[in-house]
C-alpha atoms as a PDB file:
ATOM      1  CA  MET A   1      -0.069  -0.144  -0.129  1.00  0.00           C
ATOM      2  CA  PHE A   2       1.172   3.466  -0.649  1.00  0.00           C
ATOM      3  CA  LYS A   3       2.113   6.024   2.426  1.00  0.00           C
ATOM      4  CA  PHE A   4       1.188   9.407   1.807  1.00  0.00           C
ATOM      5  CA  LEU A   5       1.221  12.652   3.810  1.00  0.00           C
ATOM      6  CA  ASP A   6      -2.014  13.022   5.471  1.00  0.00           C
ATOM      7  CA  ASP A   7      -2.572  16.268   2.986  1.00  0.00           C
ATOM      8  CA  GLY A   8      -0.762  13.868  -0.034  1.00  0.00           C
ATOM      9  CA  ILE A   9       1.602  16.175  -0.822  1.00  0.00           C
ATOM     10  CA  PRO A  10       4.628  13.965  -2.566  1.00  0.00           C
ATOM     11  CA  GLU A  11       7.463  12.725   0.087  1.00  0.00           C
ATOM     12  CA  ASN A  12      10.389  12.113  -2.318  1.00  0.00           C
ATOM     13  CA  ASP A  13      10.903  12.766  -6.124  1.00  0.00           C
ATOM     14  CA  PHE A  14       9.448   9.958  -7.709  1.00  0.00           C
ATOM     15  CA  ASP A  15       6.252  10.258  -6.074  1.00  0.00           C
ATOM     16  CA  ARG A  16       6.683  14.527  -7.208  1.00  0.00           C
ATOM     17  CA  GLN A  17       7.212  13.030 -10.955  1.00  0.00           C
ATOM     18  CA  LEU A  18       4.308  10.919 -10.513  1.00  0.00           C
ATOM     19  CA  LEU A  19       1.743  13.588  -9.593  1.00  0.00           C
ATOM     20  CA  ASP A  20       3.660  15.825 -12.084  1.00  0.00           C
ATOM     21  CA  SER A  21       2.654  13.374 -14.937  1.00  0.00           C
ATOM     22  CA  ASN A  22      -0.887  11.734 -14.093  1.00  0.00           C
ATOM     23  CA  LEU A  23      -3.330  12.363 -17.003  1.00  0.00           C
ATOM     24  CA  VAL A  24      -6.222  12.582 -14.477  1.00  0.00           C
ATOM     25  CA  GLY A  25      -5.767  16.045 -13.091  1.00  0.00           C
ATOM     26  CA  ALA A  26      -5.001  15.294  -9.770  1.00  0.00           C
ATOM     27  CA  ILE A  27      -3.817  17.741  -7.471  1.00  0.00           C
ATOM     28  CA  ASN A  28      -2.536  15.373  -4.875  1.00  0.00           C
ATOM     29  CA  LEU A  29      -1.233  11.671  -4.422  1.00  0.00           C
ATOM     30  CA  VAL A  30      -4.230  10.895  -2.513  1.00  0.00           C
ATOM     31  CA  GLU A  31      -6.531  12.219  -5.343  1.00  0.00           C
ATOM     32  CA  LEU A  32      -4.222  10.209  -7.492  1.00  0.00           C
ATOM     33  CA  ASN A  33      -4.775   7.178  -6.185  1.00  0.00           C
ATOM     34  CA  GLU A  34      -8.524   7.094  -6.206  1.00  0.00           C
ATOM     35  CA  ARG A  35      -9.138   8.406  -9.489  1.00  0.00           C
ATOM     36  CA  GLU A  36      -6.982   5.504 -10.509  1.00  0.00           C
ATOM     37  CA  ARG A  37      -9.052   3.109  -8.225  1.00  0.00           C
ATOM     38  CA  GLU A  38     -11.761   4.138 -10.042  1.00  0.00           C
ATOM     39  CA  ILE A  39     -10.737   3.956 -13.383  1.00  0.00           C
ATOM     40  CA  THR A  40      -9.438   0.104 -12.389  1.00  0.00           C
ATOM     41  CA  LEU A  41     -12.262  -0.677 -10.908  1.00  0.00           C
ATOM     42  CA  LYS A  42     -14.501   0.598 -13.882  1.00  0.00           C
ATOM     43  CA  ASN A  43     -12.320  -0.983 -16.595  1.00  0.00           C
ATOM     44  CA  ASN A  44     -12.269  -4.742 -14.796  1.00  0.00           C
ATOM     45  CA  TRP A  45     -16.195  -4.641 -14.922  1.00  0.00           C
ATOM     46  CA  SER A  46     -16.670  -3.397 -18.014  1.00  0.00           C
END
């Protein structure tokens, strides 16, 4: 499982790169994780 700061601000360079390159418009890592989970679940049930 991913470890996030309470506010979802990236702790390291890898996490910053994930957030900077996301295609779902997430503004923090918590939101990115939630949106990716929604997309994954949606695609698995289609």
